[in-house]
Amino acid sequence: MKALQKLIELLTLKKLGSHQFQGEVEDLGLPKVFGGQIMAQGLFAAMQQVELQRILHSFHCYFINAGDIHSPIIYETEILREGKSFTSVSVLAKQQNILLCRITASFQLKEQGFDHQSVMPEVAEPTDYYSENELIKSMASLLPTHLKEKFQAERPFEVRIKYANDPFSGVKLPPKQFVWFKTNDEIEAQNQRLQQCLFTYFSDFHCLPTALHPHEKGIMQQGMQFATLDHGIWFHRDFNLNNWTLYALETNNAFGGRGLTKGQVFDQQGKLLASVQQEGLIRAR
């Protein structure tokens, strides 16, 4: 089975009850469950409570405890408010009765309104940037044996990055990153809920490494402790992840063992699709 189809199946939860769902866990070779997986599965659970005419416009997740890669995750949903235009949903992600995170998602009926956006930054074409998959393969010799297979496996996204940081030693880089990405196989362009779940999963990958750019540290360097603390996404316009999409990231603060990264997502025509903000733990022990 191809990597993208495996990811879609991972994000498609089993229904246990009218407000309860179960998700399996993906082992990416990390010590704990990848935060992007929990967020995307939690978003899927929230979407099951809301009519299709209402579209997701904002998503927020606060992580409480790290997840165990050996146990399924239970998602409990609650509709906080259902008004004429907006529906707010809360999701609790739990593992063996331990709370992993609290998610809130807001949905809105489509309507016309004012329209302005940020200008897309000037960037090179995707093919002019480093292939993330090729970079990972070039570092395979540095990986422990049990991680090589995980890190060199087929991936659901094709990814190109401007700044190639060494995750094992780190180099000083500008406090930003430009990431071109798209799905490795075709997905239904009109299925915006699937598109949003896939982006939510992907959005967690590059925030913490970008926050380390000014500090000559790699995310997998010995002694580094890292974790996503909270993550927010505002969805503005429709996605089509079959096409190259730009994730422009910038870190504007690190202090007290935490790093803050902001992101903007554009299509190739310069339309602003989403805005992201994440604070994470970045601690050198």
Protein backbone atom coordinates (compact mmCIF):
# COMPACT_ATOMS: atom_id res chain seq x y z
CA MET A 1 0.00 0.00 0.00
CA LYS A 2 1.31 3.44 -0.89
CA ALA A 3 2.35 5.83 1.87
CA LEU A 4 -0.37 8.40 1.16
CA GLN A 5 -3.14 5.80 1.27
CA LYS A 6 -1.71 4.45 4.54
CA LEU A 7 -1.81 7.97 5.99
CA ILE A 8 -5.41 8.52 4.88
CA GLU A 9 -6.40 5.23 6.51
CA LEU A 10 -4.54 6.23 9.67
CA LEU A 11 -6.49 9.50 9.87
CA THR A 12 -9.84 7.77 9.26
CA LEU A 13 -11.04 6.85 12.74
CA LYS A 14 -13.16 3.94 13.93
CA LYS A 15 -16.48 5.08 15.39
CA LEU A 16 -17.10 3.72 18.90
CA GLY A 17 -20.19 5.79 19.71
CA SER A 18 -21.98 8.97 18.68
CA HIS A 19 -19.24 11.12 20.24
CA GLN A 20 -16.33 8.70 20.59
CA PHE A 21 -13.75 7.49 18.06
CA GLN A 22 -10.61 5.36 18.06
CA GLY A 23 -7.41 5.95 16.11
CA GLU A 24 -4.44 3.68 15.56
CA VAL A 25 -0.90 4.95 16.10
CA GLU A 26 1.87 5.40 13.54
CA ASP A 27 5.46 4.57 14.49
CA LEU A 28 7.72 7.11 12.78
CA GLY A 29 10.76 6.09 14.79
CA LEU A 30 10.16 8.85 17.33
CA PRO A 31 10.06 8.08 21.07
CA LYS A 32 6.46 9.32 21.30
CA VAL A 33 3.46 9.68 19.01
CA PHE A 34 3.95 12.39 16.36
CA GLY A 35 1.88 15.43 17.31
CA GLY A 36 0.69 16.00 13.75
CA GLN A 37 -0.97 12.59 13.78
CA ILE A 38 -2.89 13.32 16.98
CA MET A 39 -3.99 16.73 15.69
CA ALA A 40 -5.16 15.38 12.33
CA GLN A 41 -7.04 12.47 13.90
CA GLY A 42 -8.62 14.85 16.40
CA LEU A 43 -9.69 17.11 13.56
CA PHE A 44 -11.24 14.13 11.76
CA ALA A 45 -13.24 13.37 14.93
CA ALA A 46 -14.44 16.98 15.18
CA MET A 47 -15.53 16.96 11.54
CA GLN A 48 -17.82 13.98 12.13
CA GLN A 49 -19.98 16.16 14.40
CA VAL A 50 -20.56 18.97 11.89
CA GLU A 51 -22.65 19.12 8.71
CA LEU A 52 -20.65 19.33 5.48
CA GLN A 53 -22.02 22.79 4.65
CA ARG A 54 -20.01 24.21 7.55
CA ILE A 55 -16.32 24.57 6.71
CA LEU A 56 -13.41 24.50 9.12
CA HIS A 57 -11.87 27.93 9.66
CA SER A 58 -9.82 27.55 12.85
CA PHE A 59 -8.18 24.78 14.84
CA HIS A 60 -6.27 24.91 18.14
CA CYS A 61 -4.53 22.15 20.06
CA TYR A 62 -2.91 22.19 23.51
CA PHE A 63 -0.75 19.17 24.26
CA ILE A 64 -0.88 17.90 27.86
CA ASN A 65 0.96 14.56 27.81
CA ALA A 66 3.04 12.69 25.24
CA GLY A 67 1.46 9.71 23.48
CA ASP A 68 2.60 6.07 23.64
CA ILE A 69 3.33 4.54 20.22
CA HIS A 70 2.06 1.13 21.40
CA SER A 71 -1.57 2.01 22.28
CA PRO A 72 -4.57 3.30 20.29
CA ILE A 73 -5.94 6.76 21.02
CA ILE A 74 -9.54 7.51 21.98
CA TYR A 75 -11.10 10.79 20.81
CA GLU A 76 -14.09 12.18 22.72
CA THR A 77 -16.03 14.98 21.04
CA GLU A 78 -18.44 17.59 22.38
CA ILE A 79 -20.36 20.28 20.49
CA LEU A 80 -19.79 23.45 22.50
CA ARG A 81 -22.08 25.66 20.46
CA GLU A 82 -24.11 25.38 17.28
CA GLY A 83 -25.30 28.77 16.10
CA LYS A 84 -26.78 30.08 12.86
CA SER A 85 -23.35 30.58 11.28
CA PHE A 86 -20.76 28.87 13.49
CA THR A 87 -20.30 25.51 15.20
CA SER A 88 -17.63 25.01 17.89
CA VAL A 89 -16.42 21.50 18.75
CA SER A 90 -14.14 20.27 21.54
CA VAL A 91 -12.09 17.07 21.26
CA LEU A 92 -10.20 15.30 24.03
CA ALA A 93 -7.54 12.81 22.95
CA LYS A 94 -6.92 10.11 25.56
CA GLN A 95 -4.74 7.04 25.87
CA GLN A 96 -5.47 4.61 28.71
CA ASN A 97 -7.44 7.42 30.41
CA ILE A 98 -4.45 9.79 30.22
CA LEU A 99 -5.29 13.10 28.52
CA LEU A 100 -2.92 13.73 25.61
CA CYS A 101 -4.37 16.97 24.28
CA ARG A 102 -7.38 19.25 24.10
CA ILE A 103 -8.55 20.44 20.69
CA THR A 104 -11.08 23.09 19.72
CA ALA A 105 -12.25 23.52 16.15
CA SER A 106 -14.64 26.09 14.69
CA PHE A 107 -16.72 25.68 11.54
CA GLN A 108 -18.66 28.31 9.59
CA LEU A 109 -21.29 28.41 6.87
CA LYS A 110 -19.75 29.93 3.73
CA GLU A 111 -20.49 33.60 3.24
CA GLN A 112 -19.26 36.59 1.24
CA GLY A 113 -17.17 39.27 2.97
CA PHE A 114 -14.15 41.55 2.85
CA ASP A 115 -11.09 40.13 1.11
CA HIS A 116 -7.39 40.92 1.61
CA GLN A 117 -4.28 38.87 2.32
CA SER A 118 -0.51 38.92 2.80
CA VAL A 119 1.71 38.95 -0.27
CA MET A 120 3.46 35.68 -1.03
CA PRO A 121 7.23 35.94 -0.43
CA GLU A 122 9.59 35.73 -3.39
CA VAL A 123 10.83 32.15 -3.57
CA ALA A 124 12.50 29.87 -6.09
CA GLU A 125 10.75 27.05 -7.91
CA PRO A 126 10.35 23.79 -5.94
CA THR A 127 12.91 21.99 -8.12
CA ASP A 128 15.53 24.60 -7.16
CA TYR A 129 15.32 23.63 -3.48
CA TYR A 130 16.73 20.62 -1.63
CA SER A 131 14.76 17.38 -1.80
CA GLU A 132 14.03 16.48 1.81
CA ASN A 133 13.83 12.79 0.95
CA GLU A 134 17.26 12.88 -0.67
CA LEU A 135 18.72 14.74 2.31
CA ILE A 136 17.36 12.08 4.66
CA LYS A 137 18.84 9.29 2.54
CA SER A 138 22.22 11.04 2.52
CA MET A 139 22.22 10.99 6.33
CA ALA A 140 21.20 7.34 6.66
CA SER A 141 24.67 6.31 7.82
CA LEU A 142 24.26 8.53 10.89
CA LEU A 143 21.04 6.84 11.96
CA PRO A 144 20.84 3.99 14.47
CA THR A 145 19.99 0.69 12.77
CA HIS A 146 16.43 0.59 14.14
CA LEU A 147 15.68 4.04 12.66
CA LYS A 148 17.11 3.63 9.16
CA GLU A 149 14.10 1.78 7.78
CA LYS A 150 11.66 4.28 9.31
CA PHE A 151 13.44 7.37 8.03
CA GLN A 152 14.08 5.98 4.54
CA ALA A 153 10.55 4.65 4.01
CA GLU A 154 8.30 6.00 1.26
CA ARG A 155 6.61 9.22 2.37
CA PRO A 156 3.12 10.57 1.62
CA PHE A 157 4.46 14.00 0.59
CA GLU A 158 7.12 15.22 -1.78
CA VAL A 159 8.99 17.98 0.06
CA ARG A 160 11.52 20.60 -1.05
CA ILE A 161 13.20 22.95 1.45
CA LYS A 162 15.36 26.05 1.02
CA TYR A 163 17.62 25.64 4.06
CA ALA A 164 19.18 22.24 4.67
CA ASN A 165 19.84 22.00 8.39
CA ASP A 166 21.74 19.00 9.76
CA PRO A 167 19.39 17.45 12.35
CA PHE A 168 22.31 15.71 14.08
CA SER A 169 24.67 18.66 14.57
CA GLY A 170 23.00 21.84 13.37
CA VAL A 171 24.31 24.88 11.51
CA LYS A 172 23.43 28.53 11.98
CA LEU A 173 20.72 29.52 9.51
CA PRO A 174 18.33 32.45 8.97
CA PRO A 175 15.31 32.36 11.32
CA LYS A 176 13.01 31.10 8.59
CA GLN A 177 12.33 28.21 6.24
CA PHE A 178 10.56 27.86 2.90
CA VAL A 179 8.97 24.47 2.24
CA TRP A 180 7.36 23.43 -1.03
CA PHE A 181 5.25 20.29 -0.65
CA LYS A 182 2.55 18.25 -2.37
CA THR A 183 1.03 14.80 -2.01
CA ASN A 184 2.88 11.93 -3.69
CA ASP A 185 -0.36 10.62 -5.21
CA GLU A 186 -3.59 12.20 -6.42
CA ILE A 187 -6.32 12.93 -3.89
CA GLU A 188 -9.82 14.27 -4.46
CA ALA A 189 -9.41 18.03 -4.92
CA GLN A 190 -13.00 18.79 -3.88
CA ASN A 191 -12.70 16.92 -0.58
CA GLN A 192 -11.62 19.89 1.52
CA ARG A 193 -11.99 18.02 4.79
CA LEU A 194 -9.42 15.45 3.67
CA GLN A 195 -7.16 18.23 2.37
CA GLN A 196 -7.36 20.04 5.72
CA CYS A 197 -6.65 16.87 7.73
CA LEU A 198 -3.60 16.11 5.59
CA PHE A 199 -2.25 19.63 5.95
CA THR A 200 -2.83 19.55 9.72
CA TYR A 201 -0.70 16.40 9.86
CA PHE A 202 2.03 17.95 7.71
CA SER A 203 2.02 21.34 9.46
CA ASP A 204 3.76 19.97 12.57
CA PHE A 205 6.92 18.77 10.82
CA HIS A 206 8.95 21.95 10.26
CA CYS A 207 8.04 24.37 13.07
CA LEU A 208 10.47 23.21 15.76
CA PRO A 209 13.46 22.72 13.41
CA THR A 210 12.92 26.28 12.14
CA ALA A 211 12.92 27.62 15.72
CA LEU A 212 16.42 26.13 16.11
CA HIS A 213 17.89 27.77 12.99
CA PRO A 214 19.48 30.75 14.82
CA HIS A 215 21.06 28.52 17.49
CA GLU A 216 23.24 26.07 15.52
CA LYS A 217 21.30 23.12 16.91
CA GLY A 218 19.77 20.13 15.18
CA ILE A 219 16.44 18.71 16.30
CA MET A 220 17.98 15.21 16.73
CA GLN A 221 21.26 16.37 18.23
CA GLN A 222 22.34 14.59 21.39
CA GLY A 223 20.95 16.32 24.47
CA MET A 224 18.10 18.08 22.66
CA GLN A 225 14.62 17.78 24.15
CA PHE A 226 11.74 18.92 21.96
CA ALA A 227 7.94 18.72 21.91
CA THR A 228 5.02 20.66 20.48
CA LEU A 229 3.22 22.55 23.26
CA ASP A 230 0.41 24.22 21.34
CA HIS A 231 -0.49 24.57 17.69
CA GLY A 232 -3.03 26.73 15.88
CA ILE A 233 -4.18 26.81 12.26
CA TRP A 234 -6.50 29.32 10.59
CA PHE A 235 -7.89 28.04 7.28
CA HIS A 236 -8.62 30.85 4.83
CA ARG A 237 -9.10 29.42 1.34
CA ASP A 238 -9.44 26.02 -0.32
CA PHE A 239 -6.43 23.71 -0.59
CA ASN A 240 -5.35 21.50 -3.46
CA LEU A 241 -2.40 19.49 -2.19
CA ASN A 242 -2.09 17.73 -5.54
CA ASN A 243 -0.23 20.89 -6.58
CA TRP A 244 2.93 22.40 -5.13
CA THR A 245 2.06 24.40 -2.02
CA LEU A 246 4.37 26.80 -0.16
CA TYR A 247 4.75 26.66 3.64
CA ALA A 248 6.66 29.85 4.55
CA LEU A 249 7.90 29.67 8.16
CA GLU A 250 9.52 32.26 10.40
CA THR A 251 10.58 32.10 14.04
CA ASN A 252 10.38 35.43 15.87
CA ASN A 253 11.11 34.34 19.43
CA ALA A 254 12.86 31.77 21.59
CA PHE A 255 13.01 32.19 25.35
CA GLY A 256 12.70 30.11 28.51
CA GLY A 257 13.15 26.79 26.72
CA ARG A 258 10.37 27.56 24.23
CA GLY A 259 10.41 28.57 20.59
CA LEU A 260 7.66 30.30 18.60
CA THR A 261 7.22 29.75 14.87
CA LYS A 262 4.67 31.31 12.52
CA GLY A 263 3.76 29.98 9.10
CA GLN A 264 1.82 31.08 6.05
CA VAL A 265 0.61 28.70 3.36
CA PHE A 266 0.26 29.79 -0.28
CA ASP A 267 -0.67 28.11 -3.54
CA GLN A 268 1.45 28.69 -6.64
CA GLN A 269 -0.79 31.57 -7.71
CA GLY A 270 -0.04 33.41 -4.46
CA LYS A 271 -3.37 32.85 -2.70
CA LEU A 272 -3.05 32.66 1.09
CA LEU A 273 -4.57 29.33 2.09
CA ALA A 274 -3.83 29.15 5.82
CA SER A 275 -1.90 30.68 8.72
CA VAL A 276 -0.12 28.62 11.39
CA GLN A 277 1.40 29.37 14.77
CA GLN A 278 3.18 26.94 17.06
CA GLU A 279 5.02 27.15 20.37
CA GLY A 280 7.25 24.24 21.22
CA LEU A 281 9.69 23.06 23.83
CA ILE A 282 13.31 23.35 22.61
CA ARG A 283 15.62 22.51 25.47
CA ALA A 284 19.32 21.67 25.38
CA ARG A 285 19.92 19.32 28.31
